Amino acid sequence: MTFALLVDPRALRDIQNAIDYYDNQQPHLGKRFENALNRTLLVLETNPYFRIRYDDVRCIPVKKFPFLVHYTVNERGQSITVHAVFHTSLDPQKWIR
């Protein structure tokens, strides 16, 4: 079963900020982050049941980058909502803004 993937506009800002940061650090590093994130999101569409971290929020790491995708699963609507994509050093409650 494939779940529909919805990305909150605030999460899109998180993603763009990370891409911009990595591009400023090294050419093409932002694209590598974006590709790694896209692979992570593809995994979520078919297997969204990673461990619940707090309340009903689940997290999955982005391989090779210190970021976690924070998301919820709507089983009835067969959808996943990505709420935030945060560096692991940040407070995960920050996405509740």
C-alpha atoms as a PDB file:
ATOM      1  CA  MET A   1       0.000   0.000   0.000  1.00  0.00           C
ATOM      2  CA  THR A   2       1.332   3.425  -0.930  1.00  0.00           C
ATOM      3  CA  PHE A   3       0.531   6.449   1.208  1.00  0.00           C
ATOM      4  CA  ALA A   4       0.020   9.939  -0.210  1.00  0.00           C
ATOM      5  CA  LEU A   5       2.769  12.313   0.877  1.00  0.00           C
ATOM      6  CA  LEU A   6       1.830  15.808   2.036  1.00  0.00           C
ATOM      7  CA  VAL A   7       4.521  18.326   2.972  1.00  0.00           C
ATOM      8  CA  ASP A   8       3.658  21.251   5.237  1.00  0.00           C
ATOM      9  CA  PRO A   9       4.848  24.624   3.840  1.00  0.00           C
ATOM     10  CA  ARG A  10       6.957  25.102   6.979  1.00  0.00           C
ATOM     11  CA  ALA A  11       8.717  21.811   6.236  1.00  0.00           C
ATOM     12  CA  LEU A  12       9.368  23.032   2.695  1.00  0.00           C
ATOM     13  CA  ARG A  13      11.109  26.067   4.232  1.00  0.00           C
ATOM     14  CA  ASP A  14      13.170  23.754   6.453  1.00  0.00           C
ATOM     15  CA  ILE A  15      14.207  21.774   3.382  1.00  0.00           C
ATOM     16  CA  GLN A  16      15.105  24.846   1.337  1.00  0.00           C
ATOM     17  CA  ASN A  17      17.109  26.292   4.244  1.00  0.00           C
ATOM     18  CA  ALA A  18      19.082  23.050   4.524  1.00  0.00           C
ATOM     19  CA  ILE A  19      19.732  22.933   0.767  1.00  0.00           C
ATOM     20  CA  ASP A  20      20.895  26.564   0.796  1.00  0.00           C
ATOM     21  CA  TYR A  21      23.152  25.926   3.792  1.00  0.00           C
ATOM     22  CA  TYR A  22      24.781  22.889   2.181  1.00  0.00           C
ATOM     23  CA  ASP A  23      25.219  24.689  -1.154  1.00  0.00           C
ATOM     24  CA  ASN A  24      27.066  27.460   0.684  1.00  0.00           C
ATOM     25  CA  GLN A  25      29.336  24.884   2.315  1.00  0.00           C
ATOM     26  CA  GLN A  26      30.298  23.005  -0.842  1.00  0.00           C
ATOM     27  CA  PRO A  27      29.166  23.018  -4.480  1.00  0.00           C
ATOM     28  CA  HIS A  28      26.484  20.403  -5.203  1.00  0.00           C
ATOM     29  CA  LEU A  29      26.197  19.359  -1.542  1.00  0.00           C
ATOM     30  CA  GLY A  30      22.685  20.828  -1.416  1.00  0.00           C
ATOM     31  CA  LYS A  31      21.694  18.606  -4.340  1.00  0.00           C
ATOM     32  CA  ARG A  32      23.137  15.562  -2.562  1.00  0.00           C
ATOM     33  CA  PHE A  33      21.059  16.451   0.509  1.00  0.00           C
ATOM     34  CA  GLU A  34      17.951  16.874  -1.652  1.00  0.00           C
ATOM     35  CA  ASN A  35      18.534  13.483  -3.312  1.00  0.00           C
ATOM     36  CA  ALA A  36      19.033  11.772   0.064  1.00  0.00           C
ATOM     37  CA  LEU A  37      15.859  13.408   1.383  1.00  0.00           C
ATOM     38  CA  ASN A  38      13.878  12.310  -1.686  1.00  0.00           C
ATOM     39  CA  ARG A  39      15.040   8.709  -1.180  1.00  0.00           C
ATOM     40  CA  THR A  40      13.915   8.950   2.455  1.00  0.00           C
ATOM     41  CA  LEU A  41      10.494  10.242   1.428  1.00  0.00           C
ATOM     42  CA  LEU A  42      10.094   7.399  -1.082  1.00  0.00           C
ATOM     43  CA  VAL A  43      10.685   4.919   1.747  1.00  0.00           C
ATOM     44  CA  LEU A  44       7.985   6.651   3.802  1.00  0.00           C
ATOM     45  CA  GLU A  45       5.391   6.317   1.059  1.00  0.00           C
ATOM     46  CA  THR A  46       5.520   2.525   1.274  1.00  0.00           C
ATOM     47  CA  ASN A  47       6.680   2.000   4.865  1.00  0.00           C
ATOM     48  CA  PRO A  48       5.620   4.883   7.131  1.00  0.00           C
ATOM     49  CA  TYR A  49       5.548   3.008  10.431  1.00  0.00           C
ATOM     50  CA  PHE A  50       8.824   4.088  11.967  1.00  0.00           C
ATOM     51  CA  ARG A  51       9.034   4.509  15.724  1.00  0.00           C
ATOM     52  CA  ILE A  52       6.845   7.154  17.354  1.00  0.00           C
ATOM     53  CA  ARG A  53       9.146   9.716  18.969  1.00  0.00           C
ATOM     54  CA  TYR A  54       6.617  11.908  20.810  1.00  0.00           C
ATOM     55  CA  ASP A  55       2.834  12.174  20.850  1.00  0.00           C
ATOM     56  CA  ASP A  56       1.868  10.747  17.437  1.00  0.00           C
ATOM     57  CA  VAL A  57       4.917  12.144  15.635  1.00  0.00           C
ATOM     58  CA  ARG A  58       7.281   9.704  13.973  1.00  0.00           C
ATOM     59  CA  CYS A  59      10.811  10.385  12.750  1.00  0.00           C
ATOM     60  CA  ILE A  60      13.037   8.899  10.094  1.00  0.00           C
ATOM     61  CA  PRO A  61      16.675   9.892   9.564  1.00  0.00           C
ATOM     62  CA  VAL A  62      18.002  11.194   6.270  1.00  0.00           C
ATOM     63  CA  LYS A  63      20.919   8.913   5.372  1.00  0.00           C
ATOM     64  CA  LYS A  64      24.386  10.511   5.400  1.00  0.00           C
ATOM     65  CA  PHE A  65      23.005  13.806   6.757  1.00  0.00           C
ATOM     66  CA  PRO A  66      22.237  14.765  10.374  1.00  0.00           C
ATOM     67  CA  PHE A  67      18.547  15.456   9.736  1.00  0.00           C
ATOM     68  CA  LEU A  68      15.306  13.857  10.886  1.00  0.00           C
ATOM     69  CA  VAL A  69      12.011  14.007   9.004  1.00  0.00           C
ATOM     70  CA  HIS A  70       9.193  14.570  11.530  1.00  0.00           C
ATOM     71  CA  TYR A  71       5.845  13.296  10.278  1.00  0.00           C
ATOM     72  CA  THR A  72       2.446  11.873  11.190  1.00  0.00           C
ATOM     73  CA  VAL A  73       0.498   9.055   9.569  1.00  0.00           C
ATOM     74  CA  ASN A  74      -3.211   9.259   8.780  1.00  0.00           C
ATOM     75  CA  GLU A  75      -4.182   5.615   8.352  1.00  0.00           C
ATOM     76  CA  ARG A  76      -7.782   6.358   7.470  1.00  0.00           C
ATOM     77  CA  GLY A  77      -6.802   8.786   4.725  1.00  0.00           C
ATOM     78  CA  GLN A  78      -3.728   6.734   3.807  1.00  0.00           C
ATOM     79  CA  SER A  79      -1.546   9.822   3.921  1.00  0.00           C
ATOM     80  CA  ILE A  80       1.635  11.039   5.557  1.00  0.00           C
ATOM     81  CA  THR A  81       2.141  14.660   6.554  1.00  0.00           C
ATOM     82  CA  VAL A  82       5.714  15.889   6.876  1.00  0.00           C
ATOM     83  CA  HIS A  83       5.729  18.627   9.502  1.00  0.00           C
ATOM     84  CA  ALA A  84       9.447  19.385   9.749  1.00  0.00           C
ATOM     85  CA  VAL A  85      12.889  18.414   8.520  1.00  0.00           C
ATOM     86  CA  PHE A  86      15.309  19.331  11.304  1.00  0.00           C
ATOM     87  CA  HIS A  87      18.982  19.028  12.028  1.00  0.00           C
ATOM     88  CA  THR A  88      19.430  16.542  14.857  1.00  0.00           C
ATOM     89  CA  SER A  89      20.973  19.219  17.096  1.00  0.00           C
ATOM     90  CA  LEU A  90      17.729  21.239  17.167  1.00  0.00           C
ATOM     91  CA  ASP A  91      14.849  20.893  19.614  1.00  0.00           C
ATOM     92  CA  PRO A  92      12.241  18.632  17.945  1.00  0.00           C
ATOM     93  CA  GLN A  93       9.387  20.535  19.604  1.00  0.00           C
ATOM     94  CA  LYS A  94      10.321  23.574  17.487  1.00  0.00           C
ATOM     95  CA  TRP A  95       8.099  22.413  14.627  1.00  0.00           C
ATOM     96  CA  ILE A  96       5.050  23.013  16.827  1.00  0.00           C
ATOM     97  CA  ARG A  97       5.051  26.726  16.104  1.00  0.00           C
END
